[in-house]
Structure formats: C-alpha cells, structure tokens
C-alpha cells in the first residue's frame, strides 16, 4: 500500500483534510470568543451552564486537538480573536443585550452546522485518525444539541415551523 501502510498518524494529510481541519479550527476560535460574549449576556442560569459546558467540553478540547494535529503536520494556524473577560450582565444596556432565546437559537444553529461540517470532513478523510477525531467531535455536538433542544422546549424558546396534523379523513382515499 506504499505510504498508506503505516501508522495513520504518520501518513500525510491531503489538501482537503488540511483545509477542513484548518477551517474548523478557525470557526472554533471564533465561537470561543462569541460564546464568552453570550455567557456575559445570558440571564438564565441553565443557559449559562450550558454555554460553559460547550466551551469546556466541546470548543476548547476541539481547538487543542485541531491545533496539535496541524502543528504535527507543519500547517500554520489561523488567527484567533482575543478571549473575552467576564462582564456583569446588568452593566449591559437592555437594548444592547443579546436575549436568552436569541443566544439559544444561535448556539442551536452552530451545533447543527457543526454536525454537517464534521460529517463532511469525516467523509473526505483518508486518514482514519482524523476521521475518528471528527467522529468524536460529531458525537459530542449531537449530545449537546439534544440537551439544548430539551432546554429550548422546557423554556418555551423553541419556535417550531408550522406543525402537520393528520386529518381524520384522507381526501385521497
């Protein structure tokens, strides 16, 4: 098998893997700063805990693993916005505050887009270690997405699309 017969970590990354990992790292670094801002704006304690869990268990570990992978493969790292300090929510004017349902909706969107991006990169991989790493990222995001969906329902923040109700009579029978 030539260059692909050894340990996967010693195989070269192809350009699609490099671009996918580099892009994911760039997005994660932006999300870290954004989620720190969301934490400062959030009023709901469950939402604040969820944001902290996302940062500590999904975003920061993902940043570290992606950075380590790119460094081992001599790929330059993307720039990162500075991390944000904690702020008192009450110091943020009401009209300038991001509201809890908006924060939750944005994080829900981020998780769903992350699931698609992780799946796409897994499908492009020829290195098993990278595919497995993104499989783990995917699993963590799916678990967090399920938790956030439940919270959105419990808090009344979920705005569903028009619901389909089955009629008692089927006009096509």
Protein backbone atom coordinates (compact mmCIF):
# COMPACT_ATOMS: atom_id res chain seq x y z
CA UNK A 1 0.00 0.00 0.00
CA UNK A 2 3.01 2.30 -0.08
CA UNK A 3 2.73 5.45 2.04
CA UNK A 4 -0.61 4.33 3.49
CA UNK A 5 0.60 1.07 5.07
CA UNK A 6 1.97 2.57 8.29
CA UNK A 7 0.55 4.25 11.35
CA UNK A 8 -2.20 6.70 10.18
CA UNK A 9 -0.64 9.49 12.25
CA UNK A 10 2.47 9.21 10.09
CA UNK A 11 0.53 9.43 6.81
CA UNK A 12 0.43 12.80 5.07
CA UNK A 13 -2.74 14.84 5.24
CA UNK A 14 -4.29 15.58 1.85
CA UNK A 15 -5.28 19.13 0.95
CA UNK A 16 -8.96 18.55 1.76
CA UNK A 17 -8.09 17.34 5.26
CA UNK A 18 -5.77 20.29 5.82
CA UNK A 19 -8.37 22.80 4.65
CA UNK A 20 -11.19 21.14 6.63
CA UNK A 21 -9.23 20.97 9.88
CA UNK A 22 -7.84 24.49 9.44
CA UNK A 23 -11.35 25.84 8.73
CA UNK A 24 -12.84 24.00 11.70
CA UNK A 25 -10.14 25.45 13.93
CA UNK A 26 -10.79 28.96 12.64
CA UNK A 27 -14.54 28.60 13.31
CA UNK A 28 -13.95 27.14 16.79
CA UNK A 29 -11.66 30.02 17.77
CA UNK A 30 -14.36 32.48 16.70
CA UNK A 31 -17.00 30.53 18.58
CA UNK A 32 -14.92 30.60 21.76
CA UNK A 33 -14.93 34.41 21.77
CA UNK A 34 -18.60 34.56 20.77
CA UNK A 35 -19.71 32.11 23.46
CA UNK A 36 -17.83 34.12 26.08
CA UNK A 37 -19.88 37.14 24.97
CA UNK A 38 -23.08 35.07 25.08
CA UNK A 39 -22.19 33.95 28.61
CA UNK A 40 -21.91 37.59 29.67
CA UNK A 41 -25.31 38.41 28.14
CA UNK A 42 -27.20 35.32 29.33
CA UNK A 43 -29.59 35.73 32.23
CA UNK A 44 -30.89 32.17 32.53
CA UNK A 45 -28.65 30.07 34.80
CA UNK A 46 -29.32 26.84 32.87
CA UNK A 47 -28.27 28.57 29.65
CA UNK A 48 -25.12 29.93 31.29
CA UNK A 49 -24.23 26.42 32.50
CA UNK A 50 -24.87 25.03 29.01
CA UNK A 51 -22.63 27.67 27.42
CA UNK A 52 -19.85 26.90 29.92
CA UNK A 53 -20.23 23.16 29.20
CA UNK A 54 -19.97 23.84 25.45
CA UNK A 55 -16.80 25.89 25.96
CA UNK A 56 -15.17 23.45 28.39
CA UNK A 57 -16.20 20.12 26.81
CA UNK A 58 -16.58 20.82 23.09
CA UNK A 59 -14.92 24.04 21.91
CA UNK A 60 -11.68 24.20 23.92
CA UNK A 61 -10.82 20.49 23.56
CA UNK A 62 -11.58 20.72 19.82
CA UNK A 63 -9.29 23.74 19.47
CA UNK A 64 -6.47 21.91 21.25
CA UNK A 65 -6.81 18.71 19.20
CA UNK A 66 -7.00 20.60 15.91
CA UNK A 67 -4.05 22.80 16.80
CA UNK A 68 -1.97 19.77 17.81
CA UNK A 69 -2.84 17.97 14.57
CA UNK A 70 -1.98 20.94 12.37
CA UNK A 71 1.27 21.62 14.24
CA UNK A 72 2.36 17.96 13.89
CA UNK A 73 1.76 18.32 10.16
CA UNK A 74 3.59 21.68 9.83
CA UNK A 75 0.46 23.64 8.93
CA UNK A 76 0.21 27.28 10.07
CA UNK A 77 -2.61 28.06 12.45
CA UNK A 78 -5.41 30.56 11.76
CA UNK A 79 -5.55 33.80 13.72
CA UNK A 80 -7.81 33.89 16.74
CA UNK A 81 -9.86 36.72 18.19
CA UNK A 82 -8.95 37.52 21.79
CA UNK A 83 -10.79 35.70 24.55
CA UNK A 84 -13.37 37.86 26.33
CA UNK A 85 -13.35 38.73 30.00
CA UNK A 86 -16.37 38.19 32.19
CA UNK A 87 -18.78 41.08 32.46
CA UNK A 88 -21.76 41.85 34.65
CA UNK A 89 -24.94 41.40 32.63
CA UNK A 90 -26.55 44.33 34.44
CA UNK A 91 -23.86 46.65 33.06
CA UNK A 92 -25.03 45.89 29.51
CA UNK A 93 -27.86 48.21 28.43
CA UNK A 94 -31.12 46.32 27.92
CA UNK A 95 -31.40 47.44 24.30
CA UNK A 96 -27.89 46.18 23.56
CA UNK A 97 -28.26 42.81 25.31
CA UNK A 98 -28.49 39.59 23.38
CA UNK A 99 -31.54 37.85 24.82
CA UNK A 100 -31.57 34.26 26.03
CA UNK A 101 -33.80 32.87 23.23
CA UNK A 102 -31.54 34.54 20.63
CA UNK A 103 -28.43 33.07 22.25
CA UNK A 104 -30.00 29.63 22.37
CA UNK A 105 -31.15 29.81 18.74
CA UNK A 106 -27.68 30.87 17.59
CA UNK A 107 -25.99 28.06 19.50
CA UNK A 108 -28.55 25.58 18.11
CA UNK A 109 -27.67 26.76 14.59
CA UNK A 110 -23.95 26.47 15.35
CA UNK A 111 -24.38 22.90 16.58
CA UNK A 112 -26.39 21.83 13.54
CA UNK A 113 -23.89 23.41 11.14
CA UNK A 114 -21.06 21.80 13.10
CA UNK A 115 -22.65 18.37 12.73
CA UNK A 116 -22.82 18.81 8.95
CA UNK A 117 -19.24 20.11 8.77
CA UNK A 118 -17.91 17.25 10.91
CA UNK A 119 -19.75 14.69 8.77
CA UNK A 120 -18.40 16.23 5.58
CA UNK A 121 -14.83 16.16 6.85
CA UNK A 122 -15.20 12.55 8.03
CA UNK A 123 -16.34 11.63 4.53
CA UNK A 124 -13.34 13.34 2.93
CA UNK A 125 -10.75 11.75 5.20
CA UNK A 126 -8.32 9.09 4.10
CA UNK A 127 -6.59 9.19 7.49
CA UNK A 128 -8.50 7.08 9.98
CA UNK A 129 -7.25 9.05 12.98
CA UNK A 130 -8.69 12.31 11.64
CA UNK A 131 -11.99 10.66 10.71
CA UNK A 132 -12.23 9.19 14.22
CA UNK A 133 -11.36 12.53 15.83
CA UNK A 134 -14.16 14.23 13.90
CA UNK A 135 -16.49 11.34 14.75
CA UNK A 136 -15.88 12.13 18.41
CA UNK A 137 -16.47 15.85 17.81
CA UNK A 138 -19.71 14.94 16.00
CA UNK A 139 -20.87 12.77 18.89
CA UNK A 140 -20.19 15.50 21.48
CA UNK A 141 -22.05 18.08 19.39
CA UNK A 142 -25.00 15.73 18.87
CA UNK A 143 -25.24 15.15 22.63
CA UNK A 144 -25.07 18.86 23.37
CA UNK A 145 -27.63 19.54 20.63
CA UNK A 146 -30.06 17.10 22.26
CA UNK A 147 -29.59 18.82 25.64
CA UNK A 148 -30.16 22.24 24.10
CA UNK A 149 -33.28 21.06 22.24
CA UNK A 150 -34.75 19.82 25.51
CA UNK A 151 -33.88 23.12 27.20
CA UNK A 152 -35.42 25.11 24.33
CA UNK A 153 -38.67 23.17 24.71
CA UNK A 154 -38.73 23.47 28.52
CA UNK A 155 -38.03 27.22 28.48
CA UNK A 156 -40.51 27.94 25.69
CA UNK A 157 -37.75 29.23 23.41
CA UNK A 158 -38.37 26.81 20.56
CA UNK A 159 -40.30 28.32 17.68
CA UNK A 160 -41.47 25.37 15.59
CA UNK A 161 -42.32 25.54 11.92
CA UNK A 162 -46.00 25.01 11.04
CA UNK A 163 -46.98 21.68 12.54
CA UNK A 164 -48.56 18.98 10.39
CA UNK A 165 -51.62 17.40 11.94
CA UNK A 166 -53.05 14.32 10.31
CA UNK A 167 -56.73 14.78 9.48
CA UNK A 168 -59.22 12.06 10.38
CA UNK A 169 -60.28 11.69 6.78
CA UNK A 170 -57.89 11.37 3.91
CA UNK A 171 -59.16 13.22 0.88
CA UNK A 172 -57.19 10.93 -1.46
CA UNK A 173 -58.74 7.62 -0.43
